[in-house]
C-alpha atoms as a PDB file:
ATOM      1  CA  UNK A   1      13.915  -0.104 -10.214  1.00  0.00           C
ATOM      2  CA  UNK A   2      11.454   2.734 -10.701  1.00  0.00           C
ATOM      3  CA  UNK A   3       8.295   3.781  -8.868  1.00  0.00           C
ATOM      4  CA  UNK A   4       5.520   5.701 -10.618  1.00  0.00           C
ATOM      5  CA  UNK A   5       2.879   7.511  -8.535  1.00  0.00           C
ATOM      6  CA  UNK A   6      -0.722   7.867  -9.699  1.00  0.00           C
ATOM      7  CA  UNK A   7      -2.893  10.221  -7.637  1.00  0.00           C
ATOM      8  CA  UNK A   8      -6.465   9.037  -8.028  1.00  0.00           C
ATOM      9  CA  UNK A   9     -10.014   9.722  -6.938  1.00  0.00           C
ATOM     10  CA  UNK A  10     -11.892  11.851  -4.433  1.00  0.00           C
ATOM     11  CA  UNK A  11      -9.884  10.660  -1.416  1.00  0.00           C
ATOM     12  CA  UNK A  12      -6.474  11.738  -2.772  1.00  0.00           C
ATOM     13  CA  UNK A  13      -5.303   8.127  -3.031  1.00  0.00           C
ATOM     14  CA  UNK A  14      -1.839   7.255  -4.254  1.00  0.00           C
ATOM     15  CA  UNK A  15      -1.504   4.112  -6.351  1.00  0.00           C
ATOM     16  CA  UNK A  16       2.088   3.046  -7.017  1.00  0.00           C
ATOM     17  CA  UNK A  17       3.611   1.099  -9.897  1.00  0.00           C
ATOM     18  CA  UNK A  18       6.929  -0.572  -9.039  1.00  0.00           C
ATOM     19  CA  UNK A  19       8.928  -1.674 -12.084  1.00  0.00           C
ATOM     20  CA  UNK A  20      12.080  -3.768 -12.224  1.00  0.00           C
ATOM     21  CA  UNK A  21      13.816  -2.012 -15.080  1.00  0.00           C
ATOM     22  CA  UNK A  22      15.997  -5.000 -15.988  1.00  0.00           C
ATOM     23  CA  UNK A  23      13.145  -7.424 -16.670  1.00  0.00           C
ATOM     24  CA  UNK A  24      10.194  -5.047 -16.996  1.00  0.00           C
ATOM     25  CA  UNK A  25       8.166  -6.949 -14.397  1.00  0.00           C
ATOM     26  CA  UNK A  26       5.810  -4.746 -12.400  1.00  0.00           C
ATOM     27  CA  UNK A  27       3.750  -4.625  -9.220  1.00  0.00           C
ATOM     28  CA  UNK A  28       0.792  -2.293  -8.677  1.00  0.00           C
ATOM     29  CA  UNK A  29       0.218  -1.210  -5.079  1.00  0.00           C
ATOM     30  CA  UNK A  30      -3.278  -0.290  -3.844  1.00  0.00           C
ATOM     31  CA  UNK A  31      -5.266   0.196  -7.081  1.00  0.00           C
ATOM     32  CA  UNK A  32      -7.739   2.909  -6.118  1.00  0.00           C
ATOM     33  CA  UNK A  33     -10.625   4.863  -7.634  1.00  0.00           C
ATOM     34  CA  UNK A  34     -10.458   5.108 -11.410  1.00  0.00           C
ATOM     35  CA  UNK A  35      -7.380   2.930 -11.621  1.00  0.00           C
ATOM     36  CA  UNK A  36      -8.839   1.259 -14.702  1.00  0.00           C
ATOM     37  CA  UNK A  37      -8.116   4.554 -16.503  1.00  0.00           C
ATOM     38  CA  UNK A  38      -4.369   4.103 -16.002  1.00  0.00           C
ATOM     39  CA  UNK A  39      -4.277   0.550 -17.398  1.00  0.00           C
ATOM     40  CA  UNK A  40      -2.805   1.688 -20.700  1.00  0.00           C
ATOM     41  CA  UNK A  41      -0.027   3.626 -19.008  1.00  0.00           C
ATOM     42  CA  UNK A  42       0.694   0.758 -16.617  1.00  0.00           C
ATOM     43  CA  UNK A  43       0.968  -1.760 -19.445  1.00  0.00           C
ATOM     44  CA  UNK A  44       3.187   0.594 -21.449  1.00  0.00           C
ATOM     45  CA  UNK A  45       5.705   0.588 -18.586  1.00  0.00           C
ATOM     46  CA  UNK A  46       5.886  -3.168 -17.889  1.00  0.00           C
ATOM     47  CA  UNK A  47       6.469  -6.368 -19.805  1.00  0.00           C
ATOM     48  CA  UNK A  48       4.111  -8.065 -17.368  1.00  0.00           C
ATOM     49  CA  UNK A  49       2.213  -6.994 -14.253  1.00  0.00           C
ATOM     50  CA  UNK A  50       3.202  -9.741 -11.847  1.00  0.00           C
ATOM     51  CA  UNK A  51       1.509  -8.603  -8.637  1.00  0.00           C
ATOM     52  CA  UNK A  52      -1.247  -6.468  -7.205  1.00  0.00           C
ATOM     53  CA  UNK A  53      -0.053  -5.647  -3.692  1.00  0.00           C
ATOM     54  CA  UNK A  54      -2.389  -4.303  -1.002  1.00  0.00           C
ATOM     55  CA  UNK A  55      -0.984  -2.436   1.995  1.00  0.00           C
ATOM     56  CA  UNK A  56      -4.360  -3.035   3.661  1.00  0.00           C
ATOM     57  CA  UNK A  57      -7.938  -3.707   2.684  1.00  0.00           C
ATOM     58  CA  UNK A  58      -9.859  -0.485   3.293  1.00  0.00           C
ATOM     59  CA  UNK A  59     -12.090  -0.106   0.264  1.00  0.00           C
ATOM     60  CA  UNK A  60     -10.311   2.908  -1.252  1.00  0.00           C
ATOM     61  CA  UNK A  61      -7.071   0.877  -1.464  1.00  0.00           C
ATOM     62  CA  UNK A  62      -8.526  -2.309  -2.985  1.00  0.00           C
ATOM     63  CA  UNK A  63     -11.398  -1.089  -5.151  1.00  0.00           C
ATOM     64  CA  UNK A  64      -9.364  -1.799  -8.327  1.00  0.00           C
ATOM     65  CA  UNK A  65      -8.255  -5.318  -7.347  1.00  0.00           C
ATOM     66  CA  UNK A  66     -10.837  -7.178  -9.413  1.00  0.00           C
ATOM     67  CA  UNK A  67     -10.179  -5.127 -12.553  1.00  0.00           C
ATOM     68  CA  UNK A  68      -6.409  -5.610 -12.504  1.00  0.00           C
ATOM     69  CA  UNK A  69      -6.456  -9.284 -11.618  1.00  0.00           C
ATOM     70  CA  UNK A  70      -8.928  -9.918 -14.452  1.00  0.00           C
ATOM     71  CA  UNK A  71      -7.123  -7.799 -17.054  1.00  0.00           C
ATOM     72  CA  UNK A  72      -3.527  -8.814 -16.274  1.00  0.00           C
ATOM     73  CA  UNK A  73      -3.656 -12.134 -14.373  1.00  0.00           C
ATOM     74  CA  UNK A  74      -1.532 -10.492 -11.675  1.00  0.00           C
ATOM     75  CA  UNK A  75      -1.243 -12.310  -8.349  1.00  0.00           C
ATOM     76  CA  UNK A  76      -3.117 -10.533  -5.548  1.00  0.00           C
ATOM     77  CA  UNK A  77      -1.206 -10.242  -2.260  1.00  0.00           C
ATOM     78  CA  UNK A  78      -2.591  -9.181   1.140  1.00  0.00           C
ATOM     79  CA  UNK A  79      -1.907  -9.868   4.801  1.00  0.00           C
ATOM     80  CA  UNK A  80      -4.303 -12.523   6.093  1.00  0.00           C
ATOM     81  CA  UNK A  81      -5.418 -10.381   9.044  1.00  0.00           C
ATOM     82  CA  UNK A  82      -7.152  -7.995   6.620  1.00  0.00           C
ATOM     83  CA  UNK A  83      -9.247 -10.668   4.898  1.00  0.00           C
ATOM     84  CA  UNK A  84     -12.398  -9.670   6.850  1.00  0.00           C
ATOM     85  CA  UNK A  85     -12.009  -6.107   5.559  1.00  0.00           C
ATOM     86  CA  UNK A  86     -11.477  -7.365   2.013  1.00  0.00           C
ATOM     87  CA  UNK A  87     -14.682  -9.378   2.215  1.00  0.00           C
ATOM     88  CA  UNK A  88     -16.549  -6.202   3.244  1.00  0.00           C
ATOM     89  CA  UNK A  89     -15.335  -4.264   0.192  1.00  0.00           C
ATOM     90  CA  UNK A  90     -18.685  -3.956  -1.603  1.00  0.00           C
ATOM     91  CA  UNK A  91     -20.623  -3.071   1.543  1.00  0.00           C
ATOM     92  CA  UNK A  92     -17.991  -0.592   2.731  1.00  0.00           C
ATOM     93  CA  UNK A  93     -17.856   1.208  -0.603  1.00  0.00           C
ATOM     94  CA  UNK A  94     -21.657   1.336  -0.789  1.00  0.00           C
ATOM     95  CA  UNK A  95     -21.774   2.966   2.643  1.00  0.00           C
ATOM     96  CA  UNK A  96     -19.759   5.878   1.230  1.00  0.00           C
ATOM     97  CA  UNK A  97     -21.721   6.060  -2.023  1.00  0.00           C
ATOM     98  CA  UNK A  98     -19.310   4.137  -4.278  1.00  0.00           C
ATOM     99  CA  UNK A  99     -19.770   0.969  -6.331  1.00  0.00           C
ATOM    100  CA  UNK A 100     -17.152  -1.756  -5.944  1.00  0.00           C
ATOM    101  CA  UNK A 101     -16.971  -5.217  -7.431  1.00  0.00           C
ATOM    102  CA  UNK A 102     -15.932  -7.898  -4.924  1.00  0.00           C
ATOM    103  CA  UNK A 103     -12.198  -8.486  -4.786  1.00  0.00           C
ATOM    104  CA  UNK A 104     -10.699 -11.820  -5.773  1.00  0.00           C
ATOM    105  CA  UNK A 105      -9.195 -13.826  -2.933  1.00  0.00           C
ATOM    106  CA  UNK A 106      -5.461 -13.277  -2.409  1.00  0.00           C
ATOM    107  CA  UNK A 107      -3.102 -15.659  -4.149  1.00  0.00           C
ATOM    108  CA  UNK A 108      -0.353 -14.674  -1.706  1.00  0.00           C
ATOM    109  CA  UNK A 109      -0.643 -13.947   2.015  1.00  0.00           C
ATOM    110  CA  UNK A 110       1.941 -11.346   2.971  1.00  0.00           C
ATOM    111  CA  UNK A 111       4.028 -11.876   6.091  1.00  0.00           C
ATOM    112  CA  UNK A 112       6.777 -10.027   7.955  1.00  0.00           C
ATOM    113  CA  UNK A 113      10.165 -10.534   6.325  1.00  0.00           C
ATOM    114  CA  UNK A 114       8.711 -12.206   3.251  1.00  0.00           C
ATOM    115  CA  UNK A 115      10.467 -11.051   0.071  1.00  0.00           C
ATOM    116  CA  UNK A 116       8.345 -10.313  -2.972  1.00  0.00           C
ATOM    117  CA  UNK A 117      10.604 -10.927  -5.957  1.00  0.00           C
ATOM    118  CA  UNK A 118      10.097  -8.681  -8.959  1.00  0.00           C
ATOM    119  CA  UNK A 119      12.713  -9.575 -11.559  1.00  0.00           C
ATOM    120  CA  UNK A 120      15.991  -8.503  -9.965  1.00  0.00           C
ATOM    121  CA  UNK A 121      14.214  -6.348  -7.370  1.00  0.00           C
ATOM    122  CA  UNK A 122      13.375  -7.606  -3.883  1.00  0.00           C
ATOM    123  CA  UNK A 123      10.435  -5.961  -2.107  1.00  0.00           C
ATOM    124  CA  UNK A 124      10.646  -6.405   1.671  1.00  0.00           C
ATOM    125  CA  UNK A 125       7.440  -6.695   3.691  1.00  0.00           C
ATOM    126  CA  UNK A 126       6.969  -5.267   7.207  1.00  0.00           C
ATOM    127  CA  UNK A 127       3.807  -5.839   9.231  1.00  0.00           C
ATOM    128  CA  UNK A 128       2.572  -2.478  10.581  1.00  0.00           C
ATOM    129  CA  UNK A 129      -0.853  -2.964  12.204  1.00  0.00           C
ATOM    130  CA  UNK A 130      -2.674  -0.118  13.904  1.00  0.00           C
ATOM    131  CA  UNK A 131      -4.555   1.626  11.096  1.00  0.00           C
ATOM    132  CA  UNK A 132      -5.858  -1.783  10.029  1.00  0.00           C
ATOM    133  CA  UNK A 133      -5.165  -5.196  11.597  1.00  0.00           C
ATOM    134  CA  UNK A 134      -3.297  -6.525   8.553  1.00  0.00           C
ATOM    135  CA  UNK A 135      -1.570  -3.359   7.399  1.00  0.00           C
ATOM    136  CA  UNK A 136       1.852  -3.870   5.808  1.00  0.00           C
ATOM    137  CA  UNK A 137       4.444  -1.585   4.212  1.00  0.00           C
ATOM    138  CA  UNK A 138       6.853  -2.349   1.374  1.00  0.00           C
ATOM    139  CA  UNK A 139      10.544  -1.408   1.416  1.00  0.00           C
ATOM    140  CA  UNK A 140      12.296  -1.255  -1.946  1.00  0.00           C
ATOM    141  CA  UNK A 141      15.833   0.043  -1.567  1.00  0.00           C
ATOM    142  CA  UNK A 142      15.507   3.547  -0.113  1.00  0.00           C
ATOM    143  CA  UNK A 143      11.780   3.807  -0.843  1.00  0.00           C
ATOM    144  CA  UNK A 144       9.024   2.800   1.589  1.00  0.00           C
ATOM    145  CA  UNK A 145       5.492   2.396   0.245  1.00  0.00           C
ATOM    146  CA  UNK A 146       3.727   3.143   3.512  1.00  0.00           C
ATOM    147  CA  UNK A 147      -0.001   2.889   2.844  1.00  0.00           C
ATOM    148  CA  UNK A 148      -1.958   4.647   5.592  1.00  0.00           C
ATOM    149  CA  UNK A 149       0.595   4.031   8.339  1.00  0.00           C
ATOM    150  CA  UNK A 150       2.578   7.281   8.118  1.00  0.00           C
ATOM    151  CA  UNK A 151       1.980  10.558   6.286  1.00  0.00           C
ATOM    152  CA  UNK A 152       3.841  13.838   5.924  1.00  0.00           C
ATOM    153  CA  UNK A 153       3.191  15.473   9.277  1.00  0.00           C
ATOM    154  CA  UNK A 154       0.596  12.932  10.367  1.00  0.00           C
ATOM    155  CA  UNK A 155      -0.212   9.275  10.952  1.00  0.00           C
ATOM    156  CA  UNK A 156      -3.023   6.935   9.968  1.00  0.00           C
ATOM    157  CA  UNK A 157      -6.413   7.230  11.619  1.00  0.00           C
ATOM    158  CA  UNK A 158      -7.228   4.639  14.256  1.00  0.00           C
ATOM    159  CA  UNK A 159     -10.960   5.237  14.805  1.00  0.00           C
ATOM    160  CA  UNK A 160     -12.063   2.635  12.258  1.00  0.00           C
ATOM    161  CA  UNK A 161     -12.870  -0.970  13.257  1.00  0.00           C
ATOM    162  CA  UNK A 162      -9.658  -2.830  14.110  1.00  0.00           C
ATOM    163  CA  UNK A 163      -7.671   0.379  14.606  1.00  0.00           C
ATOM    164  CA  UNK A 164      -5.429   1.037  17.607  1.00  0.00           C
ATOM    165  CA  UNK A 165      -3.352   4.154  18.294  1.00  0.00           C
ATOM    166  CA  UNK A 166      -1.010   2.287  20.635  1.00  0.00           C
ATOM    167  CA  UNK A 167      -0.448  -0.452  18.059  1.00  0.00           C
ATOM    168  CA  UNK A 168       0.084   2.036  15.231  1.00  0.00           C
ATOM    169  CA  UNK A 169       2.683   4.050  17.148  1.00  0.00           C
ATOM    170  CA  UNK A 170       4.488   0.831  18.055  1.00  0.00           C
ATOM    171  CA  UNK A 171       4.500  -0.174  14.379  1.00  0.00           C
ATOM    172  CA  UNK A 172       5.916   3.170  13.292  1.00  0.00           C
ATOM    173  CA  UNK A 173       8.572   3.118  16.018  1.00  0.00           C
ATOM    174  CA  UNK A 174       9.765  -0.438  15.420  1.00  0.00           C
ATOM    175  CA  UNK A 175       9.333  -0.748  11.651  1.00  0.00           C
ATOM    176  CA  UNK A 176       9.794   2.741  10.195  1.00  0.00           C
ATOM    177  CA  UNK A 177      11.699   5.052  12.525  1.00  0.00           C
ATOM    178  CA  UNK A 178      14.484   2.474  12.714  1.00  0.00           C
ATOM    179  CA  UNK A 179      15.130   2.983   8.978  1.00  0.00           C
ATOM    180  CA  UNK A 180      17.754   5.466   7.725  1.00  0.00           C
ATOM    181  CA  UNK A 181      16.748   9.138   7.524  1.00  0.00           C
ATOM    182  CA  UNK A 182      17.165   9.133   3.726  1.00  0.00           C
ATOM    183  CA  UNK A 183      14.410   6.570   3.169  1.00  0.00           C
ATOM    184  CA  UNK A 184      11.622   8.166   1.146  1.00  0.00           C
ATOM    185  CA  UNK A 185       8.132   7.546   2.534  1.00  0.00           C
ATOM    186  CA  UNK A 186       5.461   7.133  -0.154  1.00  0.00           C
ATOM    187  CA  UNK A 187       2.108   7.365   1.661  1.00  0.00           C
ATOM    188  CA  UNK A 188      -1.332   6.179   0.654  1.00  0.00           C
ATOM    189  CA  UNK A 189      -2.555   9.787   0.531  1.00  0.00           C
ATOM    190  CA  UNK A 190      -0.785  13.109   0.106  1.00  0.00           C
ATOM    191  CA  UNK A 191       2.821  14.105  -0.477  1.00  0.00           C
ATOM    192  CA  UNK A 192       5.943  12.001  -0.137  1.00  0.00           C
ATOM    193  CA  UNK A 193       8.252  12.631   2.803  1.00  0.00           C
ATOM    194  CA  UNK A 194      11.312  11.036   4.416  1.00  0.00           C
ATOM    195  CA  UNK A 195      11.917   9.081   7.582  1.00  0.00           C
ATOM    196  CA  UNK A 196      14.311  11.793   8.756  1.00  0.00           C
ATOM    197  CA  UNK A 197      11.779  14.579   8.305  1.00  0.00           C
ATOM    198  CA  UNK A 198       9.053  12.728  10.153  1.00  0.00           C
ATOM    199  CA  UNK A 199      11.396  11.756  12.971  1.00  0.00           C
ATOM    200  CA  UNK A 200      12.183  15.444  13.568  1.00  0.00           C
ATOM    201  CA  UNK A 201       8.973  17.266  12.636  1.00  0.00           C
ATOM    202  CA  UNK A 202       5.980  14.939  13.019  1.00  0.00           C
ATOM    203  CA  UNK A 203       4.288  15.959  16.260  1.00  0.00           C
ATOM    204  CA  UNK A 204       2.623  12.557  16.579  1.00  0.00           C
ATOM    205  CA  UNK A 205       6.034  10.885  16.834  1.00  0.00           C
ATOM    206  CA  UNK A 206       7.691  13.129  19.427  1.00  0.00           C
ATOM    207  CA  UNK A 207       8.954  11.038  22.299  1.00  0.00           C
ATOM    208  CA  UNK A 208       8.773   7.685  20.503  1.00  0.00           C
END
């Protein structure tokens, strides 16, 4: 299994390509601004793009959904609780001065404990609401694709509709801080970190 990071757009978004190296099947997580420009590279690394996985449905994480589903026939996967946000994609992007085509409806509704099978690789889903009602993270071996739940030295904002600081901290405590220190955290924005580093140094998590 390999994970390729693409840093895209004006909001420092990270889009991730997960590839099962035995079969070449791939999953693209959170296709962001300008993700159509990486299509060639994505297709050069996979035999087929099986899934588009959304950690949550804020517009900067789903703005490339329509393009990738159309171009690759990948199955779109999202937690059902974020469907209202997904349906607001065009309006939300317009509010910030961006154009976004409406997203297709999910083919798969992600749930806690549900495995996403990618060739010989199993991607484990954890529900981590707080930044968004339907936020999820993906655990692949010792790598955690964390969306906007946890960052290096920070946590996701909770001042957007559906956000809750109490809920977010509970999600981080019960779904992320219980993982081994060596687990690499791949956030939706900014640099990668580890569970161990954030447990010791993230001031938002002291006392959890």
